[in-house]
Amino acid sequence: MALSTCMTVVRHRPAPERLPSSLLASWRAHTAAKGWRGGSDWLCAEVLQLAAAFAARADVEAAARALGRVRAHQGVGIAEALTDLQCLYLCQRCSPDEAVVSAFAEAWVEATERALPSVSCLDPGTGLPTVEHFRSRVAELYEGGADRDRVAGVLRFPGSGLSGEPGFRRRALLGAAAGETFAGTGALLTLGRATLAVVAEDEPAAADRLEGCAVAFRAVLGRSPDDPEVGYRLLPLPDTLGRFERFMRA
């Protein structure tokens, strides 16, 4: 008589009695207040694991990495994902742990790069097109006969303070601010180390949008509302690609 073998797979989850329900409720409320877009997709096993690790003050970095990977697979943008993680600390009135935030962000980027090889035109750190893809799209405009109903803009800002984990978060927030400001306009955008480049429809709102970006950038960078180091220029689209490139570098 043949013997049958049965294998039981057990998924380890935090014991129910150890799950800090009040922590979860507070974390979720803070995240919702910050604008989490899909309430039903917030809770997952990795959220429970991070909450339990946070409460027990053990293996927090590993749990943060796991959640970072899941948020990337869910399609959650880096700015929104980092804001959610920050809310875990805010609801407990403590400062975010840089090592934990860095582990979370690194896992998000790694998962995004592996999951989206066909859309390498996007910079996973900012959510905007890469500089190379932006230049390629602009070249296509000129090859097709760039019309005069477009404007070119550059927004320059201090490039210091954009390295390490704090800098990674700032770049993510800058990219999110620019993307939200020009959402639905069909504008071409890219964010370099200290420059936001834009090609948009020629309309009065284009200048207002770029000014709105400048205001948001000053806030992210901790600058005063009228700091001249964060400024922009907006001109009619140059008539040749060479002149456009020179305008971007000027």
C-alpha atoms as a PDB file:
ATOM      1  CA  MET A   1       0.000   0.000   0.000  1.00  0.00           C
ATOM      2  CA  ALA A   2       1.507   3.299  -1.039  1.00  0.00           C
ATOM      3  CA  LEU A   3       1.944   5.956   1.549  1.00  0.00           C
ATOM      4  CA  SER A   4       0.673   9.412   0.727  1.00  0.00           C
ATOM      5  CA  THR A   5       2.527  12.480   1.874  1.00  0.00           C
ATOM      6  CA  CYS A   6       0.701  15.586   2.930  1.00  0.00           C
ATOM      7  CA  MET A   7       2.502  18.889   3.288  1.00  0.00           C
ATOM      8  CA  THR A   8       0.968  21.752   5.204  1.00  0.00           C
ATOM      9  CA  VAL A   9       2.224  25.223   4.439  1.00  0.00           C
ATOM     10  CA  VAL A  10       1.994  27.572   7.383  1.00  0.00           C
ATOM     11  CA  ARG A  11       2.197  31.331   6.832  1.00  0.00           C
ATOM     12  CA  HIS A  12       3.527  33.063   9.887  1.00  0.00           C
ATOM     13  CA  ARG A  13       1.551  36.063  10.929  1.00  0.00           C
ATOM     14  CA  PRO A  14       1.636  38.153  14.079  1.00  0.00           C
ATOM     15  CA  ALA A  15      -0.388  36.505  16.824  1.00  0.00           C
ATOM     16  CA  PRO A  16      -3.795  38.201  17.152  1.00  0.00           C
ATOM     17  CA  GLU A  17      -3.170  39.090  20.776  1.00  0.00           C
ATOM     18  CA  ARG A  18       0.027  40.882  19.799  1.00  0.00           C
ATOM     19  CA  LEU A  19      -1.491  42.949  16.995  1.00  0.00           C
ATOM     20  CA  PRO A  20      -1.739  46.530  18.284  1.00  0.00           C
ATOM     21  CA  SER A  21      -5.269  47.341  17.082  1.00  0.00           C
ATOM     22  CA  SER A  22      -5.158  50.880  18.440  1.00  0.00           C
ATOM     23  CA  LEU A  23      -1.875  51.472  16.606  1.00  0.00           C
ATOM     24  CA  LEU A  24      -3.349  50.154  13.369  1.00  0.00           C
ATOM     25  CA  ALA A  25      -6.437  52.332  13.708  1.00  0.00           C
ATOM     26  CA  SER A  26      -4.389  55.439  14.454  1.00  0.00           C
ATOM     27  CA  TRP A  27      -1.935  54.743  11.627  1.00  0.00           C
ATOM     28  CA  ARG A  28      -4.766  54.221   9.155  1.00  0.00           C
ATOM     29  CA  ALA A  29      -6.534  57.402  10.267  1.00  0.00           C
ATOM     30  CA  HIS A  30      -3.366  59.485   9.860  1.00  0.00           C
ATOM     31  CA  THR A  31      -2.750  58.015   6.409  1.00  0.00           C
ATOM     32  CA  ALA A  32      -6.336  58.685   5.337  1.00  0.00           C
ATOM     33  CA  ALA A  33      -6.012  62.285   6.530  1.00  0.00           C
ATOM     34  CA  LYS A  34      -2.879  62.656   4.401  1.00  0.00           C
ATOM     35  CA  GLY A  35      -4.817  61.662   1.292  1.00  0.00           C
ATOM     36  CA  TRP A  36      -4.365  57.902   0.802  1.00  0.00           C
ATOM     37  CA  ARG A  37      -6.329  57.372  -2.394  1.00  0.00           C
ATOM     38  CA  GLY A  38      -7.687  53.834  -1.971  1.00  0.00           C
ATOM     39  CA  GLY A  39      -8.914  53.027   1.517  1.00  0.00           C
ATOM     40  CA  SER A  40      -9.666  49.405   0.682  1.00  0.00           C
ATOM     41  CA  ASP A  41      -6.115  48.621  -0.468  1.00  0.00           C
ATOM     42  CA  TRP A  42      -4.299  49.981   2.574  1.00  0.00           C
ATOM     43  CA  LEU A  43      -4.468  46.963   4.881  1.00  0.00           C
ATOM     44  CA  CYS A  44      -2.394  43.915   3.970  1.00  0.00           C
ATOM     45  CA  ALA A  45      -0.405  41.222   5.762  1.00  0.00           C
ATOM     46  CA  GLU A  46       2.767  43.327   5.512  1.00  0.00           C
ATOM     47  CA  VAL A  47       1.048  46.255   7.263  1.00  0.00           C
ATOM     48  CA  LEU A  48       0.148  43.925  10.132  1.00  0.00           C
ATOM     49  CA  GLN A  49       3.707  42.630  10.269  1.00  0.00           C
ATOM     50  CA  LEU A  50       5.203  46.123  10.347  1.00  0.00           C
ATOM     51  CA  ALA A  51       2.771  47.268  13.039  1.00  0.00           C
ATOM     52  CA  ALA A  52       3.638  44.245  15.179  1.00  0.00           C
ATOM     53  CA  ALA A  53       7.384  44.756  14.628  1.00  0.00           C
ATOM     54  CA  PHE A  54       7.058  48.461  15.410  1.00  0.00           C
ATOM     55  CA  ALA A  55       5.187  47.740  18.646  1.00  0.00           C
ATOM     56  CA  ALA A  56       7.716  45.076  19.654  1.00  0.00           C
ATOM     57  CA  ARG A  57      10.683  47.236  18.518  1.00  0.00           C
ATOM     58  CA  ALA A  58      12.141  44.258  16.675  1.00  0.00           C
ATOM     59  CA  ASP A  59      12.857  43.488  12.997  1.00  0.00           C
ATOM     60  CA  VAL A  60      11.342  46.818  11.941  1.00  0.00           C
ATOM     61  CA  GLU A  61      13.696  47.288   8.984  1.00  0.00           C
ATOM     62  CA  ALA A  62      12.889  43.841   7.562  1.00  0.00           C
ATOM     63  CA  ALA A  63       9.166  44.457   7.942  1.00  0.00           C
ATOM     64  CA  ALA A  64       9.525  47.890   6.315  1.00  0.00           C
ATOM     65  CA  ARG A  65      11.339  46.331   3.361  1.00  0.00           C
ATOM     66  CA  ALA A  66       8.521  43.823   2.908  1.00  0.00           C
ATOM     67  CA  LEU A  67       5.901  46.572   2.925  1.00  0.00           C
ATOM     68  CA  GLY A  68       7.949  48.713   0.540  1.00  0.00           C
ATOM     69  CA  ARG A  69       8.002  45.861  -1.984  1.00  0.00           C
ATOM     70  CA  VAL A  70       4.259  45.326  -1.649  1.00  0.00           C
ATOM     71  CA  ARG A  71       3.455  49.019  -2.099  1.00  0.00           C
ATOM     72  CA  ALA A  72       5.494  49.030  -5.312  1.00  0.00           C
ATOM     73  CA  HIS A  73       3.627  45.963  -6.586  1.00  0.00           C
ATOM     74  CA  GLN A  74       0.331  47.672  -5.695  1.00  0.00           C
ATOM     75  CA  GLY A  75       1.318  50.591  -7.907  1.00  0.00           C
ATOM     76  CA  VAL A  76       1.503  53.052  -5.029  1.00  0.00           C
ATOM     77  CA  GLY A  77       3.744  56.005  -5.889  1.00  0.00           C
ATOM     78  CA  ILE A  78       6.897  56.586  -3.875  1.00  0.00           C
ATOM     79  CA  ALA A  79       5.687  59.871  -2.367  1.00  0.00           C
ATOM     80  CA  GLU A  80       2.388  58.374  -1.211  1.00  0.00           C
ATOM     81  CA  ALA A  81       4.102  55.233   0.074  1.00  0.00           C
ATOM     82  CA  LEU A  82       6.658  57.199   2.099  1.00  0.00           C
ATOM     83  CA  THR A  83       3.936  59.457   3.486  1.00  0.00           C
ATOM     84  CA  ASP A  84       2.066  56.370   4.674  1.00  0.00           C
ATOM     85  CA  LEU A  85       5.196  55.077   6.416  1.00  0.00           C
ATOM     86  CA  GLN A  86       5.748  58.478   8.013  1.00  0.00           C
ATOM     87  CA  CYS A  87       2.205  58.334   9.393  1.00  0.00           C
ATOM     88  CA  LEU A  88       3.143  55.256  11.405  1.00  0.00           C
ATOM     89  CA  TYR A  89       5.597  57.418  13.315  1.00  0.00           C
ATOM     90  CA  LEU A  90       3.382  60.493  13.410  1.00  0.00           C
ATOM     91  CA  CYS A  91       0.555  58.607  15.090  1.00  0.00           C
ATOM     92  CA  GLN A  92       2.991  57.647  17.855  1.00  0.00           C
ATOM     93  CA  ARG A  93       4.422  61.180  18.001  1.00  0.00           C
ATOM     94  CA  CYS A  94       7.971  60.115  17.256  1.00  0.00           C
ATOM     95  CA  SER A  95      10.435  60.937  14.498  1.00  0.00           C
ATOM     96  CA  PRO A  96      10.849  58.494  11.610  1.00  0.00           C
ATOM     97  CA  ASP A  97      13.836  56.157  11.868  1.00  0.00           C
ATOM     98  CA  GLU A  98      16.133  57.002   8.937  1.00  0.00           C
ATOM     99  CA  ALA A  99      17.348  53.403   8.619  1.00  0.00           C
ATOM    100  CA  VAL A 100      13.774  52.118   8.426  1.00  0.00           C
ATOM    101  CA  VAL A 101      12.718  54.766   5.893  1.00  0.00           C
ATOM    102  CA  SER A 102      15.806  54.044   3.796  1.00  0.00           C
ATOM    103  CA  ALA A 103      15.114  50.290   3.848  1.00  0.00           C
ATOM    104  CA  PHE A 104      11.507  50.898   2.817  1.00  0.00           C
ATOM    105  CA  ALA A 105      12.474  53.243  -0.027  1.00  0.00           C
ATOM    106  CA  GLU A 106      15.227  50.962  -1.325  1.00  0.00           C
ATOM    107  CA  ALA A 107      12.839  48.003  -1.399  1.00  0.00           C
ATOM    108  CA  TRP A 108      10.227  50.070  -3.263  1.00  0.00           C
ATOM    109  CA  VAL A 109      12.769  51.139  -5.899  1.00  0.00           C
ATOM    110  CA  GLU A 110      14.205  47.644  -6.309  1.00  0.00           C
ATOM    111  CA  ALA A 111      10.738  46.132  -6.731  1.00  0.00           C
ATOM    112  CA  THR A 112       9.724  48.823  -9.205  1.00  0.00           C
ATOM    113  CA  GLU A 113      12.845  48.378 -11.313  1.00  0.00           C
ATOM    114  CA  ARG A 114      12.325  44.605 -11.489  1.00  0.00           C
ATOM    115  CA  ALA A 115       8.594  44.786 -12.121  1.00  0.00           C
ATOM    116  CA  LEU A 116       8.695  47.499 -14.787  1.00  0.00           C
ATOM    117  CA  PRO A 117      11.571  46.729 -17.151  1.00  0.00           C
ATOM    118  CA  SER A 118       9.497  47.830 -20.124  1.00  0.00           C
ATOM    119  CA  VAL A 119       8.844  51.300 -18.744  1.00  0.00           C
ATOM    120  CA  SER A 120      12.393  52.289 -17.929  1.00  0.00           C
ATOM    121  CA  CYS A 121      11.426  55.674 -19.354  1.00  0.00           C
ATOM    122  CA  LEU A 122      10.161  56.455 -15.843  1.00  0.00           C
ATOM    123  CA  ASP A 123      12.459  57.412 -13.008  1.00  0.00           C
ATOM    124  CA  PRO A 124      11.299  55.331 -10.016  1.00  0.00           C
ATOM    125  CA  GLY A 125      12.641  57.971  -7.625  1.00  0.00           C
ATOM    126  CA  THR A 126      10.464  60.820  -8.922  1.00  0.00           C
ATOM    127  CA  GLY A 127       7.719  59.109 -10.901  1.00  0.00           C
ATOM    128  CA  LEU A 128       8.469  61.435 -13.838  1.00  0.00           C
ATOM    129  CA  PRO A 129      10.030  60.555 -17.221  1.00  0.00           C
ATOM    130  CA  THR A 130      13.792  60.206 -17.163  1.00  0.00           C
ATOM    131  CA  VAL A 131      15.879  62.991 -18.678  1.00  0.00           C
ATOM    132  CA  GLU A 132      16.769  60.695 -21.579  1.00  0.00           C
ATOM    133  CA  HIS A 133      13.137  59.868 -22.334  1.00  0.00           C
ATOM    134  CA  PHE A 134      12.150  63.536 -22.045  1.00  0.00           C
ATOM    135  CA  ARG A 135      14.810  64.540 -24.569  1.00  0.00           C
ATOM    136  CA  SER A 136      13.666  61.766 -26.894  1.00  0.00           C
ATOM    137  CA  ARG A 137      10.045  62.947 -26.741  1.00  0.00           C
ATOM    138  CA  VAL A 138      11.080  66.554 -27.376  1.00  0.00           C
ATOM    139  CA  ALA A 139      13.155  65.434 -30.367  1.00  0.00           C
ATOM    140  CA  GLU A 140      10.064  63.654 -31.706  1.00  0.00           C
ATOM    141  CA  LEU A 141       8.141  66.932 -31.440  1.00  0.00           C
ATOM    142  CA  TYR A 142      10.702  68.713 -33.584  1.00  0.00           C
ATOM    143  CA  GLU A 143      10.936  65.870 -36.079  1.00  0.00           C
ATOM    144  CA  GLY A 144       7.179  66.086 -36.527  1.00  0.00           C
ATOM    145  CA  GLY A 145       7.321  69.856 -36.934  1.00  0.00           C
ATOM    146  CA  ALA A 146       7.065  71.429 -33.494  1.00  0.00           C
ATOM    147  CA  ASP A 147       4.067  73.757 -33.470  1.00  0.00           C
ATOM    148  CA  ARG A 148       4.047  77.243 -32.020  1.00  0.00           C
ATOM    149  CA  ASP A 149       1.299  76.416 -29.544  1.00  0.00           C
ATOM    150  CA  ARG A 150       3.756  75.167 -26.957  1.00  0.00           C
ATOM    151  CA  VAL A 151       6.011  76.764 -24.376  1.00  0.00           C
ATOM    152  CA  ALA A 152       9.233  75.601 -22.783  1.00  0.00           C
ATOM    153  CA  GLY A 153       9.939  76.160 -19.115  1.00  0.00           C
ATOM    154  CA  VAL A 154      12.692  75.466 -16.616  1.00  0.00           C
ATOM    155  CA  LEU A 155      12.385  75.646 -12.855  1.00  0.00           C
ATOM    156  CA  ARG A 156      15.727  75.726 -11.075  1.00  0.00           C
ATOM    157  CA  PHE A 157      16.295  75.038  -7.399  1.00  0.00           C
ATOM    158  CA  PRO A 158      19.255  74.377  -5.078  1.00  0.00           C
ATOM    159  CA  GLY A 159      20.723  70.933  -5.726  1.00  0.00           C
ATOM    160  CA  SER A 160      22.179  70.494  -2.261  1.00  0.00           C
ATOM    161  CA  GLY A 161      20.414  68.285   0.241  1.00  0.00           C
ATOM    162  CA  LEU A 162      19.172  65.820  -2.378  1.00  0.00           C
ATOM    163  CA  SER A 163      21.418  62.901  -1.440  1.00  0.00           C
ATOM    164  CA  GLY A 164      20.882  60.116   1.069  1.00  0.00           C
ATOM    165  CA  GLU A 165      17.488  59.150   2.469  1.00  0.00           C
ATOM    166  CA  PRO A 166      16.290  62.720   3.173  1.00  0.00           C
ATOM    167  CA  GLY A 167      17.244  63.702  -0.372  1.00  0.00           C
ATOM    168  CA  PHE A 168      15.509  60.646  -1.820  1.00  0.00           C
ATOM    169  CA  ARG A 169      12.316  61.651  -0.044  1.00  0.00           C
ATOM    170  CA  ARG A 170      12.617  65.270  -1.207  1.00  0.00           C
ATOM    171  CA  ARG A 171      13.085  64.207  -4.836  1.00  0.00           C
ATOM    172  CA  ALA A 172      10.037  61.966  -4.556  1.00  0.00           C
ATOM    173  CA  LEU A 173       7.980  64.857  -3.179  1.00  0.00           C
ATOM    174  CA  LEU A 174       9.278  67.243  -5.855  1.00  0.00           C
ATOM    175  CA  GLY A 175       8.350  64.770  -8.582  1.00  0.00           C
ATOM    176  CA  ALA A 176       4.900  64.242  -7.079  1.00  0.00           C
ATOM    177  CA  ALA A 177       4.300  68.003  -6.836  1.00  0.00           C
ATOM    178  CA  ALA A 178       5.279  68.559 -10.464  1.00  0.00           C
ATOM    179  CA  GLY A 179       3.233  65.612 -11.703  1.00  0.00           C
ATOM    180  CA  GLU A 180       0.137  66.714  -9.806  1.00  0.00           C
ATOM    181  CA  THR A 181       0.486  70.338 -10.957  1.00  0.00           C
ATOM    182  CA  PHE A 182       0.570  69.392 -14.650  1.00  0.00           C
ATOM    183  CA  ALA A 183      -1.720  66.343 -14.419  1.00  0.00           C
ATOM    184  CA  GLY A 184      -4.076  66.026 -17.378  1.00  0.00           C
ATOM    185  CA  THR A 185      -2.375  68.726 -19.436  1.00  0.00           C
ATOM    186  CA  GLY A 186      -0.314  66.486 -21.701  1.00  0.00           C
ATOM    187  CA  ALA A 187       2.827  68.369 -20.676  1.00  0.00           C
ATOM    188  CA  LEU A 188       6.250  66.731 -20.985  1.00  0.00           C
ATOM    189  CA  LEU A 189       8.154  66.811 -17.686  1.00  0.00           C
ATOM    190  CA  THR A 190      11.453  65.643 -16.269  1.00  0.00           C
ATOM    191  CA  LEU A 191      13.308  66.338 -13.052  1.00  0.00           C
ATOM    192  CA  GLY A 192      17.088  66.593 -13.087  1.00  0.00           C
ATOM    193  CA  ARG A 193      19.289  67.123 -10.041  1.00  0.00           C
ATOM    194  CA  ALA A 194      18.412  70.807  -9.732  1.00  0.00           C
ATOM    195  CA  THR A 195      16.075  71.497 -12.646  1.00  0.00           C
ATOM    196  CA  LEU A 196      12.504  70.764 -13.620  1.00  0.00           C
ATOM    197  CA  ALA A 197      12.050  70.941 -17.403  1.00  0.00           C
ATOM    198  CA  VAL A 198       8.603  71.382 -18.958  1.00  0.00           C
ATOM    199  CA  VAL A 199       7.117  71.529 -22.446  1.00  0.00           C
ATOM    200  CA  ALA A 200       3.441  72.447 -22.232  1.00  0.00           C
ATOM    201  CA  GLU A 201       0.562  73.893 -24.210  1.00  0.00           C
ATOM    202  CA  ASP A 202       0.827  77.649 -24.684  1.00  0.00           C
ATOM    203  CA  GLU A 203      -1.925  78.957 -22.436  1.00  0.00           C
ATOM    204  CA  PRO A 204      -2.102  81.475 -19.568  1.00  0.00           C
ATOM    205  CA  ALA A 205      -2.411  78.640 -17.060  1.00  0.00           C
ATOM    206  CA  ALA A 206       1.061  77.340 -17.991  1.00  0.00           C
ATOM    207  CA  ALA A 207       2.777  80.171 -16.117  1.00  0.00           C
ATOM    208  CA  ASP A 208       0.423  79.716 -13.165  1.00  0.00           C
ATOM    209  CA  ARG A 209       1.216  76.008 -13.045  1.00  0.00           C
ATOM    210  CA  LEU A 210       4.954  76.641 -13.109  1.00  0.00           C
ATOM    211  CA  GLU A 211       4.577  79.224 -10.354  1.00  0.00           C
ATOM    212  CA  GLY A 212       2.570  76.660  -8.395  1.00  0.00           C
ATOM    213  CA  CYS A 213       5.447  74.204  -8.830  1.00  0.00           C
ATOM    214  CA  ALA A 214       7.882  76.812  -7.525  1.00  0.00           C
ATOM    215  CA  VAL A 215       5.729  77.364  -4.421  1.00  0.00           C
ATOM    216  CA  ALA A 216       5.486  73.614  -3.801  1.00  0.00           C
ATOM    217  CA  PHE A 217       9.227  73.137  -4.373  1.00  0.00           C
ATOM    218  CA  ARG A 218      10.078  75.874  -1.853  1.00  0.00           C
ATOM    219  CA  ALA A 219       7.889  74.140   0.722  1.00  0.00           C
ATOM    220  CA  VAL A 220       9.513  70.729   0.114  1.00  0.00           C
ATOM    221  CA  LEU A 221      13.015  72.226   0.264  1.00  0.00           C
ATOM    222  CA  GLY A 222      12.259  74.227   3.408  1.00  0.00           C
ATOM    223  CA  ARG A 223      12.755  77.553   1.656  1.00  0.00           C
ATOM    224  CA  SER A 224      10.920  80.802   2.311  1.00  0.00           C
ATOM    225  CA  PRO A 225       7.858  81.446   0.099  1.00  0.00           C
ATOM    226  CA  ASP A 226       9.738  84.054  -1.958  1.00  0.00           C
ATOM    227  CA  ASP A 227      13.239  82.535  -1.992  1.00  0.00           C
ATOM    228  CA  PRO A 228      14.842  83.665  -5.297  1.00  0.00           C
ATOM    229  CA  GLU A 229      16.994  80.516  -5.417  1.00  0.00           C
ATOM    230  CA  VAL A 230      13.866  78.670  -6.547  1.00  0.00           C
ATOM    231  CA  GLY A 231      12.881  80.380  -9.792  1.00  0.00           C
ATOM    232  CA  TYR A 232      11.598  79.639 -13.254  1.00  0.00           C
ATOM    233  CA  ARG A 233      11.623  80.853 -16.867  1.00  0.00           C
ATOM    234  CA  LEU A 234       8.926  80.279 -19.452  1.00  0.00           C
ATOM    235  CA  LEU A 235       9.374  81.067 -23.156  1.00  0.00           C
ATOM    236  CA  PRO A 236       7.747  80.160 -26.472  1.00  0.00           C
ATOM    237  CA  LEU A 237       9.114  76.854 -27.720  1.00  0.00           C
ATOM    238  CA  PRO A 238      12.371  77.630 -29.609  1.00  0.00           C
ATOM    239  CA  ASP A 239      12.181  77.066 -33.348  1.00  0.00           C
ATOM    240  CA  THR A 240      14.976  74.475 -33.440  1.00  0.00           C
ATOM    241  CA  LEU A 241      15.975  71.569 -31.224  1.00  0.00           C
ATOM    242  CA  GLY A 242      19.453  73.050 -30.809  1.00  0.00           C
ATOM    243  CA  ARG A 243      18.043  76.287 -29.443  1.00  0.00           C
ATOM    244  CA  PHE A 244      15.761  74.322 -27.143  1.00  0.00           C
ATOM    245  CA  GLU A 245      18.765  72.426 -25.727  1.00  0.00           C
ATOM    246  CA  ARG A 246      20.633  75.696 -25.181  1.00  0.00           C
ATOM    247  CA  PHE A 247      17.609  77.157 -23.394  1.00  0.00           C
ATOM    248  CA  MET A 248      17.494  74.151 -21.072  1.00  0.00           C
ATOM    249  CA  ARG A 249      21.187  74.543 -20.224  1.00  0.00           C
ATOM    250  CA  ALA A 250      21.141  78.349 -19.794  1.00  0.00           C
END
